[in-house]
PDB file of N, CA and C in Angstrom:
ATOM      1  N   MET A   1      86.144 109.717  69.535  1.00  0.00           N
ATOM      2  CA  MET A   1      85.482 110.331  70.680  1.00  0.00           C
ATOM      3  C   MET A   1      85.860 111.812  70.748  1.00  0.00           C
ATOM      4  N   LYS A   2      84.957 112.584  71.302  1.00  0.00           N
ATOM      5  CA  LYS A   2      85.229 113.992  71.548  1.00  0.00           C
ATOM      6  C   LYS A   2      86.060 114.092  72.831  1.00  0.00           C
ATOM      7  N   VAL A   3      86.985 115.038  72.867  1.00  0.00           N
ATOM      8  CA  VAL A   3      87.801 115.266  74.061  1.00  0.00           C
ATOM      9  C   VAL A   3      87.499 116.667  74.581  1.00  0.00           C
ATOM     10  N   ASP A   4      87.169 116.770  75.862  1.00  0.00           N
ATOM     11  CA  ASP A   4      86.891 118.061  76.480  1.00  0.00           C
ATOM     12  C   ASP A   4      87.622 118.121  77.820  1.00  0.00           C
ATOM     13  N   LEU A   5      87.711 119.305  78.384  1.00  0.00           N
ATOM     14  CA  LEU A   5      88.377 119.513  79.668  1.00  0.00           C
ATOM     15  C   LEU A   5      87.431 120.205  80.635  1.00  0.00           C
ATOM     16  N   THR A   6      87.523 119.842  81.908  1.00  0.00           N
ATOM     17  CA  THR A   6      86.800 120.589  82.929  1.00  0.00           C
ATOM     18  C   THR A   6      87.446 121.966  83.047  1.00  0.00           C
ATOM     19  N   ASP A   7      86.739 122.908  83.663  1.00  0.00           N
ATOM     20  CA  ASP A   7      87.311 124.244  83.863  1.00  0.00           C
ATOM     21  C   ASP A   7      88.597 124.170  84.683  1.00  0.00           C
ATOM     22  N   GLU A   8      88.598 123.299  85.682  1.00  0.00           N
ATOM     23  CA  GLU A   8      89.794 123.137  86.516  1.00  0.00           C
ATOM     24  C   GLU A   8      90.978 122.637  85.687  1.00  0.00           C
ATOM     25  N   ALA A   9      90.737 121.653  84.832  1.00  0.00           N
ATOM     26  CA  ALA A   9      91.809 121.115  83.983  1.00  0.00           C
ATOM     27  C   ALA A   9      92.314 122.180  83.009  1.00  0.00           C
ATOM     28  N   LYS A  10      91.401 122.995  82.469  1.00  0.00           N
ATOM     29  CA  LYS A  10      91.815 124.082  81.564  1.00  0.00           C
ATOM     30  C   LYS A  10      92.752 125.046  82.283  1.00  0.00           C
ATOM     31  N   ALA A  11      92.410 125.400  83.518  1.00  0.00           N
ATOM     32  CA  ALA A  11      93.258 126.308  84.299  1.00  0.00           C
ATOM     33  C   ALA A  11      94.619 125.665  84.575  1.00  0.00           C
ATOM     34  N   GLN A  12      94.633 124.380  84.864  1.00  0.00           N
ATOM     35  CA  GLN A  12      95.892 123.677  85.119  1.00  0.00           C
ATOM     36  C   GLN A  12      96.764 123.644  83.870  1.00  0.00           C
ATOM     37  N   VAL A  13      96.156 123.441  82.704  1.00  0.00           N
ATOM     38  CA  VAL A  13      96.916 123.450  81.448  1.00  0.00           C
ATOM     39  C   VAL A  13      97.509 124.831  81.209  1.00  0.00           C
ATOM     40  N   ARG A  14      96.719 125.885  81.406  1.00  0.00           N
ATOM     41  CA  ARG A  14      97.232 127.259  81.211  1.00  0.00           C
ATOM     42  C   ARG A  14      98.414 127.543  82.138  1.00  0.00           C
ATOM     43  N   GLU A  15      98.275 127.152  83.394  1.00  0.00           N
ATOM     44  CA  GLU A  15      99.338 127.376  84.378  1.00  0.00           C
ATOM     45  C   GLU A  15     100.606 126.609  83.999  1.00  0.00           C
ATOM     46  N   ARG A  16     100.427 125.369  83.619  1.00  0.00           N
ATOM     47  CA  ARG A  16     101.578 124.525  83.259  1.00  0.00           C
ATOM     48  C   ARG A  16     102.253 125.025  81.978  1.00  0.00           C
ATOM     49  N   ARG A  17     101.447 125.465  81.002  1.00  0.00           N
ATOM     50  CA  ARG A  17     101.988 125.990  79.744  1.00  0.00           C
ATOM     51  C   ARG A  17     102.829 127.249  80.015  1.00  0.00           C
ATOM     52  N   ALA A  18     102.325 128.133  80.868  1.00  0.00           N
ATOM     53  CA  ALA A  18     103.064 129.355  81.202  1.00  0.00           C
ATOM     54  C   ALA A  18     104.395 129.004  81.868  1.00  0.00           C
ATOM     55  N   TRP A  19     104.370 128.052  82.788  1.00  0.00           N
ATOM     56  CA  TRP A  19     105.600 127.619  83.448  1.00  0.00           C
ATOM     57  C   TRP A  19     106.571 127.054  82.419  1.00  0.00           C
ATOM     58  N   TRP A  20     106.066 126.204  81.512  1.00  0.00           N
ATOM     59  CA  TRP A  20     106.901 125.554  80.506  1.00  0.00           C
ATOM     60  C   TRP A  20     107.584 126.599  79.622  1.00  0.00           C
ATOM     61  N   LYS A  21     106.834 127.607  79.202  1.00  0.00           N
ATOM     62  CA  LYS A  21     107.401 128.640  78.320  1.00  0.00           C
ATOM     63  C   LYS A  21     108.522 129.419  79.009  1.00  0.00           C
ATOM     64  N   LYS A  22     108.398 129.615  80.311  1.00  0.00           N
ATOM     65  CA  LYS A  22     109.434 130.345  81.051  1.00  0.00           C
ATOM     66  C   LYS A  22     110.671 129.503  81.322  1.00  0.00           C
ATOM     67  N   LYS A  23     110.484 128.231  81.619  1.00  0.00           N
ATOM     68  CA  LYS A  23     111.554 127.402  82.164  1.00  0.00           C
ATOM     69  C   LYS A  23     112.237 126.459  81.182  1.00  0.00           C
ATOM     70  N   ARG A  24     111.651 126.216  80.023  1.00  0.00           N
ATOM     71  CA  ARG A  24     112.191 125.202  79.113  1.00  0.00           C
ATOM     72  C   ARG A  24     112.662 125.805  77.804  1.00  0.00           C
ATOM     73  N   ASP A  25     113.677 125.171  77.233  1.00  0.00           N
ATOM     74  CA  ASP A  25     114.231 125.621  75.958  1.00  0.00           C
ATOM     75  C   ASP A  25     113.371 125.216  74.767  1.00  0.00           C
ATOM     76  N   VAL A  26     112.749 124.064  74.843  1.00  0.00           N
ATOM     77  CA  VAL A  26     111.959 123.545  73.720  1.00  0.00           C
ATOM     78  C   VAL A  26     110.527 124.059  73.872  1.00  0.00           C
ATOM     79  N   LYS A  27     110.291 125.278  73.425  1.00  0.00           N
ATOM     80  CA  LYS A  27     109.012 125.958  73.656  1.00  0.00           C
ATOM     81  C   LYS A  27     107.824 125.236  73.030  1.00  0.00           C
ATOM     82  N   GLY A  28     107.985 124.683  71.824  1.00  0.00           N
ATOM     83  CA  GLY A  28     106.872 124.047  71.133  1.00  0.00           C
ATOM     84  C   GLY A  28     106.524 122.663  71.636  1.00  0.00           C
ATOM     85  N   ALA A  29     107.378 122.086  72.462  1.00  0.00           N
ATOM     86  CA  ALA A  29     107.167 120.706  72.917  1.00  0.00           C
ATOM     87  C   ALA A  29     105.863 120.549  73.696  1.00  0.00           C
ATOM     88  N   PHE A  30     105.517 121.528  74.493  1.00  0.00           N
ATOM     89  CA  PHE A  30     104.312 121.437  75.317  1.00  0.00           C
ATOM     90  C   PHE A  30     103.073 121.289  74.441  1.00  0.00           C
ATOM     91  N   ASN A  31     102.912 122.201  73.483  1.00  0.00           N
ATOM     92  CA  ASN A  31     101.734 122.151  72.615  1.00  0.00           C
ATOM     93  C   ASN A  31     101.733 120.906  71.733  1.00  0.00           C
ATOM     94  N   GLU A  32     102.897 120.495  71.257  1.00  0.00           N
ATOM     95  CA  GLU A  32     102.987 119.273  70.445  1.00  0.00           C
ATOM     96  C   GLU A  32     102.536 118.061  71.254  1.00  0.00           C
ATOM     97  N   GLU A  33     103.006 117.963  72.477  1.00  0.00           N
ATOM     98  CA  GLU A  33     102.655 116.828  73.332  1.00  0.00           C
ATOM     99  C   GLU A  33     101.159 116.833  73.653  1.00  0.00           C
ATOM    100  N   LEU A  34     100.607 118.014  73.869  1.00  0.00           N
ATOM    101  CA  LEU A  34      99.178 118.129  74.156  1.00  0.00           C
ATOM    102  C   LEU A  34      98.332 117.726  72.943  1.00  0.00           C
ATOM    103  N   ARG A  35      98.742 118.142  71.751  1.00  0.00           N
ATOM    104  CA  ARG A  35      98.024 117.746  70.530  1.00  0.00           C
ATOM    105  C   ARG A  35      98.065 116.226  70.337  1.00  0.00           C
ATOM    106  N   GLU A  36      99.229 115.644  70.556  1.00  0.00           N
ATOM    107  CA  GLU A  36      99.365 114.191  70.408  1.00  0.00           C
ATOM    108  C   GLU A  36      98.509 113.458  71.445  1.00  0.00           C
ATOM    109  N   ALA A  37      98.459 113.968  72.666  1.00  0.00           N
ATOM    110  CA  ALA A  37      97.631 113.355  73.710  1.00  0.00           C
ATOM    111  C   ALA A  37      96.158 113.409  73.312  1.00  0.00           C
ATOM    112  N   ARG A  38      95.723 114.536  72.778  1.00  0.00           N
ATOM    113  CA  ARG A  38      94.325 114.667  72.346  1.00  0.00           C
ATOM    114  C   ARG A  38      94.000 113.628  71.268  1.00  0.00           C
ATOM    115  N   ARG A  39      94.910 113.472  70.303  1.00  0.00           N
ATOM    116  CA  ARG A  39      94.701 112.468  69.245  1.00  0.00           C
ATOM    117  C   ARG A  39      94.605 111.062  69.840  1.00  0.00           C
ATOM    118  N   GLN A  40      95.497 110.778  70.774  1.00  0.00           N
ATOM    119  CA  GLN A  40      95.490 109.455  71.397  1.00  0.00           C
ATOM    120  C   GLN A  40      94.189 109.212  72.152  1.00  0.00           C
ATOM    121  N   LEU A  41      93.719 110.221  72.863  1.00  0.00           N
ATOM    122  CA  LEU A  41      92.480 110.068  73.627  1.00  0.00           C
ATOM    123  C   LEU A  41      91.262 109.962  72.710  1.00  0.00           C
ATOM    124  N   GLN A  42      91.289 110.621  71.572  1.00  0.00           N
ATOM    125  CA  GLN A  42      90.172 110.536  70.625  1.00  0.00           C
ATOM    126  C   GLN A  42      90.031 109.131  70.054  1.00  0.00           C
ATOM    127  N   HIS A  43      91.150 108.479  69.809  1.00  0.00           N
ATOM    128  CA  HIS A  43      91.121 107.225  69.065  1.00  0.00           C
ATOM    129  C   HIS A  43      91.353 105.966  69.898  1.00  0.00           C
ATOM    130  N   GLY A  44      91.904 106.091  71.079  1.00  0.00           N
ATOM    131  CA  GLY A  44      92.180 104.898  71.882  1.00  0.00           C
ATOM    132  C   GLY A  44      92.304 105.220  73.347  1.00  0.00           C
ATOM    133  N   PRO A  45      91.222 105.681  73.969  1.00  0.00           N
ATOM    134  CA  PRO A  45      91.328 106.188  75.337  1.00  0.00           C
ATOM    135  C   PRO A  45      91.339 105.148  76.444  1.00  0.00           C
ATOM    136  N   LYS A  46      91.125 103.889  76.140  1.00  0.00           N
ATOM    137  CA  LYS A  46      90.915 102.908  77.209  1.00  0.00           C
ATOM    138  C   LYS A  46      92.214 102.370  77.792  1.00  0.00           C
ATOM    139  N   LEU A  47      92.925 103.221  78.489  1.00  0.00           N
ATOM    140  CA  LEU A  47      94.107 102.805  79.237  1.00  0.00           C
ATOM    141  C   LEU A  47      93.646 102.187  80.554  1.00  0.00           C
ATOM    142  N   ALA A  48      94.571 101.631  81.296  1.00  0.00           N
ATOM    143  CA  ALA A  48      94.235 100.998  82.575  1.00  0.00           C
ATOM    144  C   ALA A  48      93.578 102.001  83.519  1.00  0.00           C
ATOM    145  N   VAL A  49      92.641 101.502  84.299  1.00  0.00           N
ATOM    146  CA  VAL A  49      91.961 102.342  85.282  1.00  0.00           C
ATOM    147  C   VAL A  49      92.938 102.650  86.407  1.00  0.00           C
ATOM    148  N   HIS A  50      93.016 103.920  86.779  1.00  0.00           N
ATOM    149  CA  HIS A  50      93.963 104.369  87.791  1.00  0.00           C
ATOM    150  C   HIS A  50      93.292 104.572  89.150  1.00  0.00           C
ATOM    151  N   GLY A  51      92.019 104.911  89.141  1.00  0.00           N
ATOM    152  CA  GLY A  51      91.300 105.174  90.377  1.00  0.00           C
ATOM    153  C   GLY A  51      89.844 105.471  90.075  1.00  0.00           C
ATOM    154  N   MET A  52      89.138 106.005  91.059  1.00  0.00           N
ATOM    155  CA  MET A  52      87.724 106.326  90.898  1.00  0.00           C
ATOM    156  C   MET A  52      87.493 107.777  91.296  1.00  0.00           C
ATOM    157  N   ARG A  53      86.476 108.375  90.686  1.00  0.00           N
ATOM    158  CA  ARG A  53      86.062 109.735  91.026  1.00  0.00           C
ATOM    159  C   ARG A  53      84.556 109.793  90.874  1.00  0.00           C
ATOM    160  N   GLU A  54      83.861 110.018  91.972  1.00  0.00           N
ATOM    161  CA  GLU A  54      82.407 110.116  91.957  1.00  0.00           C
ATOM    162  C   GLU A  54      81.777 108.925  91.240  1.00  0.00           C
ATOM    163  N   GLY A  55      82.315 107.733  91.499  1.00  0.00           N
ATOM    164  CA  GLY A  55      81.780 106.512  90.914  1.00  0.00           C
ATOM    165  C   GLY A  55      82.210 106.232  89.480  1.00  0.00           C
ATOM    166  N   LEU A  56      83.031 107.088  88.904  1.00  0.00           N
ATOM    167  CA  LEU A  56      83.515 106.899  87.533  1.00  0.00           C
ATOM    168  C   LEU A  56      84.971 106.457  87.547  1.00  0.00           C
ATOM    169  N   GLU A  57      85.314 105.604  86.608  1.00  0.00           N
ATOM    170  CA  GLU A  57      86.708 105.174  86.474  1.00  0.00           C
ATOM    171  C   GLU A  57      87.560 106.325  85.955  1.00  0.00           C
ATOM    172  N   VAL A  58      88.676 106.562  86.613  1.00  0.00           N
ATOM    173  CA  VAL A  58      89.629 107.589  86.185  1.00  0.00           C
ATOM    174  C   VAL A  58      90.838 106.880  85.592  1.00  0.00           C
ATOM    175  N   ARG A  59      91.225 107.326  84.423  1.00  0.00           N
ATOM    176  CA  ARG A  59      92.388 106.761  83.734  1.00  0.00           C
ATOM    177  C   ARG A  59      93.472 107.827  83.660  1.00  0.00           C
ATOM    178  N   ARG A  60      94.699 107.382  83.442  1.00  0.00           N
ATOM    179  CA  ARG A  60      95.821 108.329  83.411  1.00  0.00           C
ATOM    180  C   ARG A  60      96.648 108.095  82.148  1.00  0.00           C
ATOM    181  N   LEU A  61      96.978 109.197  81.491  1.00  0.00           N
ATOM    182  CA  LEU A  61      97.864 109.176  80.332  1.00  0.00           C
ATOM    183  C   LEU A  61      99.120 109.953  80.706  1.00  0.00           C
ATOM    184  N   ASN A  62     100.269 109.286  80.677  1.00  0.00           N
ATOM    185  CA  ASN A  62     101.538 109.945  80.995  1.00  0.00           C
ATOM    186  C   ASN A  62     102.074 110.665  79.763  1.00  0.00           C
ATOM    187  N   LEU A  63     102.464 111.905  79.952  1.00  0.00           N
ATOM    188  CA  LEU A  63     103.097 112.697  78.898  1.00  0.00           C
ATOM    189  C   LEU A  63     104.555 112.878  79.304  1.00  0.00           C
ATOM    190  N   SER A  64     105.352 111.868  79.041  1.00  0.00           N
ATOM    191  CA  SER A  64     106.716 111.829  79.573  1.00  0.00           C
ATOM    192  C   SER A  64     107.597 112.958  79.047  1.00  0.00           C
ATOM    193  N   ARG A  65     107.375 113.389  77.835  1.00  0.00           N
ATOM    194  CA  ARG A  65     108.216 114.445  77.259  1.00  0.00           C
ATOM    195  C   ARG A  65     108.107 115.761  78.038  1.00  0.00           C
ATOM    196  N   ILE A  66     106.910 116.042  78.553  1.00  0.00           N
ATOM    197  CA  ILE A  66     106.721 117.292  79.296  1.00  0.00           C
ATOM    198  C   ILE A  66     106.471 117.035  80.786  1.00  0.00           C
ATOM    199  N   HIS A  67     106.661 115.788  81.219  1.00  0.00           N
ATOM    200  CA  HIS A  67     106.587 115.425  82.639  1.00  0.00           C
ATOM    201  C   HIS A  67     105.242 115.772  83.272  1.00  0.00           C
ATOM    202  N   CYS A  68     104.168 115.417  82.583  1.00  0.00           N
ATOM    203  CA  CYS A  68     102.817 115.657  83.083  1.00  0.00           C
ATOM    204  C   CYS A  68     101.971 114.400  82.925  1.00  0.00           C
ATOM    205  N   CYS A  69     100.858 114.379  83.619  1.00  0.00           N
ATOM    206  CA  CYS A  69      99.872 113.308  83.492  1.00  0.00           C
ATOM    207  C   CYS A  69      98.507 113.936  83.240  1.00  0.00           C
ATOM    208  N   ILE A  70      97.746 113.283  82.384  1.00  0.00           N
ATOM    209  CA  ILE A  70      96.361 113.674  82.157  1.00  0.00           C
ATOM    210  C   ILE A  70      95.492 112.626  82.842  1.00  0.00           C
ATOM    211  N   TYR A  71      94.594 113.082  83.711  1.00  0.00           N
ATOM    212  CA  TYR A  71      93.620 112.205  84.347  1.00  0.00           C
ATOM    213  C   TYR A  71      92.280 112.468  83.673  1.00  0.00           C
ATOM    214  N   TYR A  72      91.586 111.390  83.286  1.00  0.00           N
ATOM    215  CA  TYR A  72      90.362 111.578  82.513  1.00  0.00           C
ATOM    216  C   TYR A  72      89.360 110.459  82.774  1.00  0.00           C
ATOM    217  N   THR A  73      88.108 110.750  82.427  1.00  0.00           N
ATOM    218  CA  THR A  73      87.037 109.765  82.484  1.00  0.00           C
ATOM    219  C   THR A  73      86.481 109.583  81.073  1.00  0.00           C
ATOM    220  N   ILE A  74      85.763 108.484  80.873  1.00  0.00           N
ATOM    221  CA  ILE A  74      85.143 108.204  79.579  1.00  0.00           C
ATOM    222  C   ILE A  74      83.636 108.086  79.785  1.00  0.00           C
ATOM    223  N   ASP A  75      82.880 108.854  79.004  1.00  0.00           N
ATOM    224  CA  ASP A  75      81.421 108.763  78.997  1.00  0.00           C
ATOM    225  C   ASP A  75      81.032 108.170  77.645  1.00  0.00           C
ATOM    226  N   GLU A  76      80.917 106.848  77.602  1.00  0.00           N
ATOM    227  CA  GLU A  76      80.658 106.175  76.318  1.00  0.00           C
ATOM    228  C   GLU A  76      79.339 106.576  75.677  1.00  0.00           C
ATOM    229  N   PRO A  77      78.229 106.706  76.432  1.00  0.00           N
ATOM    230  CA  PRO A  77      76.980 107.120  75.783  1.00  0.00           C
ATOM    231  C   PRO A  77      77.090 108.489  75.081  1.00  0.00           C
ATOM    232  N   LYS A  78      77.901 109.376  75.643  1.00  0.00           N
ATOM    233  CA  LYS A  78      78.093 110.701  75.027  1.00  0.00           C
ATOM    234  C   LYS A  78      79.277 110.724  74.071  1.00  0.00           C
ATOM    235  N   ASP A  79      79.986 109.595  73.944  1.00  0.00           N
ATOM    236  CA  ASP A  79      81.172 109.511  73.087  1.00  0.00           C
ATOM    237  C   ASP A  79      82.171 110.609  73.476  1.00  0.00           C
ATOM    238  N   LEU A  80      82.422 110.711  74.797  1.00  0.00           N
ATOM    239  CA  LEU A  80      83.198 111.823  75.344  1.00  0.00           C
ATOM    240  C   LEU A  80      84.305 111.337  76.267  1.00  0.00           C
ATOM    241  N   VAL A  81      85.492 111.880  76.060  1.00  0.00           N
ATOM    242  CA  VAL A  81      86.601 111.752  77.003  1.00  0.00           C
ATOM    243  C   VAL A  81      86.677 113.093  77.721  1.00  0.00           C
ATOM    244  N   LEU A  82      86.569 113.089  79.044  1.00  0.00           N
ATOM    245  CA  LEU A  82      86.614 114.326  79.819  1.00  0.00           C
ATOM    246  C   LEU A  82      87.888 114.355  80.651  1.00  0.00           C
ATOM    247  N   ILE A  83      88.757 115.298  80.336  1.00  0.00           N
ATOM    248  CA  ILE A  83      89.985 115.484  81.111  1.00  0.00           C
ATOM    249  C   ILE A  83      89.608 116.235  82.379  1.00  0.00           C
ATOM    250  N   VAL A  84      89.872 115.604  83.521  1.00  0.00           N
ATOM    251  CA  VAL A  84      89.475 116.189  84.798  1.00  0.00           C
ATOM    252  C   VAL A  84      90.645 116.820  85.539  1.00  0.00           C
ATOM    253  N   SER A  85      91.875 116.469  85.151  1.00  0.00           N
ATOM    254  CA  SER A  85      93.043 117.065  85.795  1.00  0.00           C
ATOM    255  C   SER A  85      94.263 116.934  84.895  1.00  0.00           C
ATOM    256  N   PHE A  86      95.121 117.938  84.965  1.00  0.00           N
ATOM    257  CA  PHE A  86      96.379 117.973  84.222  1.00  0.00           C
ATOM    258  C   PHE A  86      97.455 118.202  85.265  1.00  0.00           C
ATOM    259  N   TRP A  87      98.236 117.189  85.558  1.00  0.00           N
ATOM    260  CA  TRP A  87      99.056 117.131  86.764  1.00  0.00           C
ATOM    261  C   TRP A  87     100.526 116.982  86.424  1.00  0.00           C
ATOM    262  N   GLY A  88     101.382 117.731  87.088  1.00  0.00           N
ATOM    263  CA  GLY A  88     102.820 117.588  86.905  1.00  0.00           C
ATOM    264  C   GLY A  88     103.325 116.308  87.549  1.00  0.00           C
ATOM    265  N   GLN A  89     104.188 115.571  86.860  1.00  0.00           N
ATOM    266  CA  GLN A  89     104.699 114.309  87.399  1.00  0.00           C
ATOM    267  C   GLN A  89     105.597 114.512  88.610  1.00  0.00           C
ATOM    268  N   GLU A  90     106.108 115.719  88.798  1.00  0.00           N
ATOM    269  CA  GLU A  90     106.968 115.947  89.955  1.00  0.00           C
ATOM    270  C   GLU A  90     106.163 116.056  91.245  1.00  0.00           C
ATOM    271  N   MET A  91     104.844 116.158  91.113  1.00  0.00           N
ATOM    272  CA  MET A  91     103.995 116.209  92.298  1.00  0.00           C
ATOM    273  C   MET A  91     104.147 114.862  93.017  1.00  0.00           C
ATOM    274  N   ALA A  92     104.283 114.894  94.322  1.00  0.00           N
ATOM    275  CA  ALA A  92     104.557 113.678  95.087  1.00  0.00           C
ATOM    276  C   ALA A  92     103.332 112.775  95.229  1.00  0.00           C
ATOM    277  N   HIS A  93     102.190 113.268  94.866  1.00  0.00           N
ATOM    278  CA  HIS A  93     100.965 112.486  95.032  1.00  0.00           C
ATOM    279  C   HIS A  93     100.062 112.692  93.819  1.00  0.00           C
ATOM    280  N   GLN A  94      99.005 111.919  93.758  1.00  0.00           N
ATOM    281  CA  GLN A  94      98.034 112.095  92.682  1.00  0.00           C
ATOM    282  C   GLN A  94      96.989 113.117  93.125  1.00  0.00           C
ATOM    283  N   PRO A  95      96.157 113.599  92.208  1.00  0.00           N
ATOM    284  CA  PRO A  95      95.118 114.556  92.597  1.00  0.00           C
ATOM    285  C   PRO A  95      94.246 114.013  93.729  1.00  0.00           C
ATOM    286  N   ASP A  96      93.838 114.895  94.620  1.00  0.00           N
ATOM    287  CA  ASP A  96      93.080 114.499  95.811  1.00  0.00           C
ATOM    288  C   ASP A  96      91.739 113.846  95.498  1.00  0.00           C
ATOM    289  N   PHE A  97      91.139 114.188  94.362  1.00  0.00           N
ATOM    290  CA  PHE A  97      89.804 113.679  94.078  1.00  0.00           C
ATOM    291  C   PHE A  97      89.786 112.201  93.698  1.00  0.00           C
ATOM    292  N   ILE A  98      90.932 111.613  93.461  1.00  0.00           N
ATOM    293  CA  ILE A  98      90.971 110.221  93.015  1.00  0.00           C
ATOM    294  C   ILE A  98      90.972 109.280  94.213  1.00  0.00           C
ATOM    295  N   GLU A  99      89.993 108.385  94.227  1.00  0.00           N
ATOM    296  CA  GLU A  99      89.931 107.345  95.246  1.00  0.00           C
ATOM    297  C   GLU A  99      90.722 106.160  94.712  1.00  0.00           C
ATOM    298  N   GLU A 100      91.480 105.519  95.557  1.00  0.00           N
ATOM    299  CA  GLU A 100      92.268 104.358  95.123  1.00  0.00           C
ATOM    300  C   GLU A 100      91.357 103.307  94.517  1.00  0.00           C
ATOM    301  N   TYR A 101      91.843 102.660  93.506  1.00  0.00           N
ATOM    302  CA  TYR A 101      91.069 101.639  92.796  1.00  0.00           C
ATOM    303  C   TYR A 101      91.401 100.279  93.346  1.00  0.00           C
TER     304      TYR A 101
END
């Protein structure tokens, strides 16, 4: 499957990457973890459904090494995984757009 990001998710990744480069010793870990997540989403994206967004199932992939979560939807007819949010695990709540499942 193709993996793409919404504009909002792209901005969140840029912000998180900048923070990571300033605050962490293992500078390459962020990009390595992101590349591995992309590979995982391309080949096996059907993790448990975490919630709903505009009638679509939202799934979550935990990136434990960099303490982030990727929230995404799957559009099977388009063969597309769309990352809708890139969220820090230290956040006390999930993104506001997710309706409980």
